[in-house]
Amino acid sequence: NEKEGGARCSVCFAYRLDKTAQYAKQNGYDIFATTLTVSPHKNAKVINDIGLKIAQKYNIEYLVADFKKQDGYLKSIRLSQKYSLYRQNYCGCKYSLHN
């Protein structure tokens, strides 16, 4: 019953970013990032802080970003429509489907 943006979100961000960093490191990438910060429902500072911590763990660079800035969210919607890209209306967490 926890609200969007609660403790469960930080755990999920850490899990997802850890898996992304592992993949990046194992496949020779120099940097990793996430598109989660494009969402107006996500706290970019929390996401970026977690990303930076995980970057240290794997000795790989993390791209600090807040993609919703400068109308980034609106631009992402327009580009998705232009290129017929699928957009889900939730972050991917089964619990967010009900909020």
N, C-alpha and C. Protein backbone atom coordinates (compact mmCIF):
# COMPACT_ATOMS: atom_id res chain seq x y z
N ASN A 1 0.81 -1.22 0.00
CA ASN A 1 0.00 0.00 0.00
C ASN A 1 0.84 1.26 0.00
N GLU A 2 2.11 1.12 -0.20
CA GLU A 2 3.01 2.28 -0.17
C GLU A 2 2.79 3.16 -1.40
N LYS A 3 2.85 4.47 -1.19
CA LYS A 3 2.65 5.42 -2.28
C LYS A 3 3.81 5.42 -3.26
N GLU A 4 3.53 5.88 -4.48
CA GLU A 4 4.56 6.08 -5.50
C GLU A 4 5.63 7.00 -4.93
N GLY A 5 6.89 6.62 -5.12
CA GLY A 5 8.00 7.43 -4.63
C GLY A 5 8.48 7.03 -3.25
N GLY A 6 7.87 6.01 -2.66
CA GLY A 6 8.24 5.56 -1.33
C GLY A 6 9.51 4.72 -1.33
N ALA A 7 9.72 4.04 -0.22
CA ALA A 7 10.94 3.24 -0.03
C ALA A 7 11.06 2.12 -1.07
N ARG A 8 9.94 1.56 -1.49
CA ARG A 8 10.02 0.48 -2.47
C ARG A 8 10.63 0.96 -3.78
N CYS A 9 10.41 2.21 -4.12
CA CYS A 9 10.97 2.76 -5.36
C CYS A 9 12.49 2.81 -5.30
N SER A 10 13.03 3.23 -4.19
CA SER A 10 14.50 3.29 -4.06
C SER A 10 15.12 1.91 -4.16
N VAL A 11 14.46 0.92 -3.60
CA VAL A 11 14.95 -0.46 -3.69
C VAL A 11 14.93 -0.91 -5.15
N CYS A 12 13.85 -0.60 -5.84
CA CYS A 12 13.72 -0.96 -7.25
C CYS A 12 14.77 -0.24 -8.11
N PHE A 13 14.95 1.05 -7.89
CA PHE A 13 15.97 1.80 -8.64
C PHE A 13 17.34 1.17 -8.45
N ALA A 14 17.66 0.84 -7.21
CA ALA A 14 18.97 0.25 -6.91
C ALA A 14 19.13 -1.09 -7.63
N TYR A 15 18.10 -1.89 -7.62
CA TYR A 15 18.15 -3.19 -8.29
C TYR A 15 18.37 -3.01 -9.79
N ARG A 16 17.56 -2.15 -10.40
CA ARG A 16 17.64 -1.95 -11.86
C ARG A 16 18.98 -1.33 -12.27
N LEU A 17 19.43 -0.33 -11.52
CA LEU A 17 20.70 0.31 -11.87
C LEU A 17 21.88 -0.61 -11.63
N ASP A 18 21.79 -1.45 -10.62
CA ASP A 18 22.85 -2.42 -10.37
C ASP A 18 22.97 -3.39 -11.55
N LYS A 19 21.84 -3.90 -12.00
CA LYS A 19 21.85 -4.83 -13.15
C LYS A 19 22.37 -4.13 -14.41
N THR A 20 21.99 -2.88 -14.60
CA THR A 20 22.46 -2.11 -15.76
C THR A 20 23.96 -1.89 -15.70
N ALA A 21 24.46 -1.53 -14.52
CA ALA A 21 25.90 -1.31 -14.35
C ALA A 21 26.68 -2.62 -14.56
N GLN A 22 26.15 -3.71 -14.04
CA GLN A 22 26.80 -5.02 -14.26
C GLN A 22 26.91 -5.32 -15.75
N TYR A 23 25.82 -5.14 -16.46
CA TYR A 23 25.81 -5.41 -17.90
C TYR A 23 26.80 -4.51 -18.62
N ALA A 24 26.79 -3.23 -18.28
CA ALA A 24 27.69 -2.28 -18.93
C ALA A 24 29.15 -2.67 -18.69
N LYS A 25 29.47 -3.00 -17.47
CA LYS A 25 30.85 -3.37 -17.12
C LYS A 25 31.27 -4.65 -17.85
N GLN A 26 30.41 -5.64 -17.84
CA GLN A 26 30.73 -6.94 -18.45
C GLN A 26 30.85 -6.84 -19.98
N ASN A 27 30.22 -5.83 -20.56
CA ASN A 27 30.21 -5.71 -22.02
C ASN A 27 31.07 -4.56 -22.54
N GLY A 28 31.94 -4.04 -21.68
CA GLY A 28 32.94 -3.08 -22.10
C GLY A 28 32.47 -1.64 -22.29
N TYR A 29 31.32 -1.29 -21.71
CA TYR A 29 30.86 0.09 -21.79
C TYR A 29 31.59 0.93 -20.76
N ASP A 30 31.77 2.21 -21.06
CA ASP A 30 32.46 3.12 -20.15
C ASP A 30 31.50 3.83 -19.20
N ILE A 31 30.21 3.83 -19.54
CA ILE A 31 29.22 4.62 -18.81
C ILE A 31 27.87 3.94 -18.91
N PHE A 32 27.02 4.20 -17.91
CA PHE A 32 25.64 3.71 -17.95
C PHE A 32 24.70 4.82 -17.48
N ALA A 33 23.42 4.67 -17.80
CA ALA A 33 22.42 5.69 -17.47
C ALA A 33 21.06 5.03 -17.34
N THR A 34 20.05 5.84 -17.08
CA THR A 34 18.67 5.38 -17.02
C THR A 34 17.75 6.44 -17.60
N THR A 35 16.66 5.99 -18.19
CA THR A 35 15.65 6.92 -18.69
C THR A 35 14.59 7.20 -17.64
N LEU A 36 14.70 6.60 -16.47
CA LEU A 36 13.70 6.81 -15.42
C LEU A 36 13.54 8.28 -15.04
N THR A 37 14.58 9.08 -15.23
CA THR A 37 14.50 10.48 -14.81
C THR A 37 13.67 11.34 -15.76
N VAL A 38 13.16 10.77 -16.85
CA VAL A 38 12.27 11.54 -17.73
C VAL A 38 10.88 11.66 -17.12
N SER A 39 10.53 10.76 -16.23
CA SER A 39 9.19 10.73 -15.64
C SER A 39 8.99 11.86 -14.64
N PRO A 40 7.86 12.57 -14.74
CA PRO A 40 7.57 13.60 -13.75
C PRO A 40 7.21 12.99 -12.39
N HIS A 41 7.04 11.68 -12.34
CA HIS A 41 6.68 10.99 -11.09
C HIS A 41 7.89 10.43 -10.36
N LYS A 42 9.08 10.58 -10.94
CA LYS A 42 10.29 10.02 -10.35
C LYS A 42 11.20 11.13 -9.85
N ASN A 43 11.85 10.88 -8.73
CA ASN A 43 12.77 11.84 -8.12
C ASN A 43 14.17 11.63 -8.71
N ALA A 44 14.57 12.52 -9.59
CA ALA A 44 15.86 12.39 -10.27
C ALA A 44 17.03 12.41 -9.29
N LYS A 45 16.95 13.17 -8.23
CA LYS A 45 18.05 13.22 -7.26
C LYS A 45 18.24 11.86 -6.62
N VAL A 46 17.16 11.23 -6.22
CA VAL A 46 17.25 9.90 -5.61
C VAL A 46 17.86 8.91 -6.60
N ILE A 47 17.36 8.92 -7.83
CA ILE A 47 17.85 8.01 -8.86
C ILE A 47 19.34 8.24 -9.12
N ASN A 48 19.72 9.51 -9.28
CA ASN A 48 21.12 9.83 -9.57
C ASN A 48 22.05 9.49 -8.41
N ASP A 49 21.61 9.71 -7.20
CA ASP A 49 22.43 9.35 -6.03
C ASP A 49 22.68 7.84 -6.00
N ILE A 50 21.65 7.07 -6.29
CA ILE A 50 21.80 5.61 -6.33
C ILE A 50 22.74 5.22 -7.47
N GLY A 51 22.55 5.83 -8.64
CA GLY A 51 23.40 5.54 -9.79
C GLY A 51 24.87 5.82 -9.50
N LEU A 52 25.16 6.92 -8.84
CA LEU A 52 26.54 7.26 -8.51
C LEU A 52 27.16 6.26 -7.53
N LYS A 53 26.36 5.82 -6.57
CA LYS A 53 26.86 4.83 -5.60
C LYS A 53 27.18 3.51 -6.30
N ILE A 54 26.30 3.10 -7.19
CA ILE A 54 26.52 1.84 -7.92
C ILE A 54 27.70 1.97 -8.88
N ALA A 55 27.88 3.14 -9.45
CA ALA A 55 29.01 3.38 -10.34
C ALA A 55 30.33 3.14 -9.61
N GLN A 56 30.41 3.58 -8.36
CA GLN A 56 31.61 3.35 -7.55
C GLN A 56 31.82 1.86 -7.31
N LYS A 57 30.73 1.15 -7.05
CA LYS A 57 30.80 -0.29 -6.79
C LYS A 57 31.44 -1.05 -7.96
N TYR A 58 31.09 -0.64 -9.19
CA TYR A 58 31.57 -1.34 -10.38
C TYR A 58 32.71 -0.61 -11.10
N ASN A 59 33.14 0.52 -10.53
CA ASN A 59 34.21 1.31 -11.15
C ASN A 59 33.88 1.64 -12.61
N ILE A 60 32.71 2.23 -12.80
CA ILE A 60 32.23 2.64 -14.11
C ILE A 60 31.51 3.98 -13.93
N GLU A 61 31.47 4.76 -14.97
CA GLU A 61 30.85 6.09 -14.88
C GLU A 61 29.33 5.99 -15.01
N TYR A 62 28.64 6.85 -14.28
CA TYR A 62 27.19 6.97 -14.36
C TYR A 62 26.84 8.35 -14.92
N LEU A 63 25.92 8.43 -15.86
CA LEU A 63 25.49 9.69 -16.44
C LEU A 63 24.41 10.30 -15.55
N VAL A 64 24.77 11.35 -14.83
CA VAL A 64 23.81 12.07 -13.99
C VAL A 64 22.95 12.92 -14.91
N ALA A 65 21.64 12.74 -14.82
CA ALA A 65 20.73 13.47 -15.69
C ALA A 65 19.36 13.62 -15.05
N ASP A 66 18.67 14.63 -15.49
CA ASP A 66 17.25 14.80 -15.17
C ASP A 66 16.58 15.11 -16.50
N PHE A 67 16.19 14.06 -17.21
CA PHE A 67 15.69 14.20 -18.57
C PHE A 67 14.35 14.90 -18.67
N LYS A 68 13.67 15.13 -17.54
CA LYS A 68 12.41 15.86 -17.61
C LYS A 68 12.61 17.37 -17.68
N LYS A 69 13.80 17.84 -17.41
CA LYS A 69 14.10 19.27 -17.47
C LYS A 69 13.99 19.78 -18.90
N GLN A 70 13.73 21.05 -19.05
CA GLN A 70 13.63 21.72 -20.35
C GLN A 70 12.64 20.99 -21.27
N ASP A 71 11.47 20.68 -20.68
CA ASP A 71 10.38 20.00 -21.42
C ASP A 71 10.77 18.62 -21.93
N GLY A 72 11.70 17.97 -21.25
CA GLY A 72 12.16 16.65 -21.67
C GLY A 72 11.05 15.61 -21.72
N TYR A 73 10.14 15.68 -20.75
CA TYR A 73 9.03 14.72 -20.73
C TYR A 73 8.15 14.91 -21.96
N LEU A 74 7.79 16.15 -22.25
CA LEU A 74 6.97 16.44 -23.42
C LEU A 74 7.69 16.06 -24.71
N LYS A 75 8.98 16.35 -24.79
CA LYS A 75 9.76 15.97 -25.98
C LYS A 75 9.79 14.46 -26.15
N SER A 76 9.90 13.73 -25.04
CA SER A 76 9.94 12.27 -25.13
C SER A 76 8.61 11.73 -25.66
N ILE A 77 7.52 12.34 -25.27
CA ILE A 77 6.21 11.92 -25.78
C ILE A 77 6.12 12.19 -27.28
N ARG A 78 6.52 13.36 -27.68
CA ARG A 78 6.45 13.72 -29.11
C ARG A 78 7.34 12.82 -29.97
N LEU A 79 8.56 12.55 -29.51
CA LEU A 79 9.46 11.68 -30.26
C LEU A 79 8.92 10.24 -30.32
N SER A 80 8.33 9.80 -29.23
CA SER A 80 7.74 8.46 -29.22
C SER A 80 6.61 8.36 -30.23
N GLN A 81 5.80 9.40 -30.31
CA GLN A 81 4.71 9.41 -31.30
C GLN A 81 5.26 9.47 -32.72
N LYS A 82 6.24 10.33 -32.94
CA LYS A 82 6.82 10.50 -34.26
C LYS A 82 7.40 9.19 -34.79
N TYR A 83 8.08 8.44 -33.93
CA TYR A 83 8.75 7.22 -34.34
C TYR A 83 7.96 5.95 -33.98
N SER A 84 6.71 6.13 -33.58
CA SER A 84 5.83 5.00 -33.22
C SER A 84 6.47 4.07 -32.19
N LEU A 85 7.07 4.67 -31.17
CA LEU A 85 7.69 3.89 -30.10
C LEU A 85 6.66 3.55 -29.02
N TYR A 86 6.76 2.38 -28.49
CA TYR A 86 5.88 1.96 -27.40
C TYR A 86 6.24 2.74 -26.14
N ARG A 87 5.22 3.20 -25.44
CA ARG A 87 5.40 3.87 -24.14
C ARG A 87 4.46 3.22 -23.16
N GLN A 88 5.00 2.67 -22.11
CA GLN A 88 4.11 2.14 -21.08
C GLN A 88 3.75 3.26 -20.13
N ASN A 89 2.59 3.16 -19.51
CA ASN A 89 2.10 4.25 -18.66
C ASN A 89 2.41 4.02 -17.18
N TYR A 90 3.45 3.24 -16.93
CA TYR A 90 3.92 3.03 -15.57
C TYR A 90 5.42 2.70 -15.64
N CYS A 91 6.10 2.72 -14.52
CA CYS A 91 7.56 2.58 -14.52
C CYS A 91 8.03 1.16 -14.79
N GLY A 92 7.15 0.20 -14.66
CA GLY A 92 7.54 -1.19 -14.84
C GLY A 92 7.29 -2.01 -13.58
N CYS A 93 7.10 -1.36 -12.48
CA CYS A 93 6.83 -2.02 -11.21
C CYS A 93 5.35 -2.43 -11.18
N LYS A 94 5.10 -3.69 -10.85
CA LYS A 94 3.72 -4.16 -10.83
C LYS A 94 2.87 -3.39 -9.82
N TYR A 95 3.48 -2.87 -8.77
CA TYR A 95 2.73 -2.12 -7.77
C TYR A 95 2.29 -0.76 -8.30
N SER A 96 3.05 -0.18 -9.19
CA SER A 96 2.68 1.13 -9.74
C SER A 96 1.49 1.05 -10.69
N LEU A 97 1.15 -0.14 -11.13
CA LEU A 97 -0.03 -0.32 -11.98
C LEU A 97 -1.31 0.03 -11.25
N HIS A 98 -1.29 -0.07 -9.92
CA HIS A 98 -2.49 0.13 -9.11
C HIS A 98 -2.55 1.50 -8.46
N ASN A 99 -1.55 2.34 -8.67
CA ASN A 99 -1.52 3.67 -8.04
C ASN A 99 -2.04 4.72 -8.97
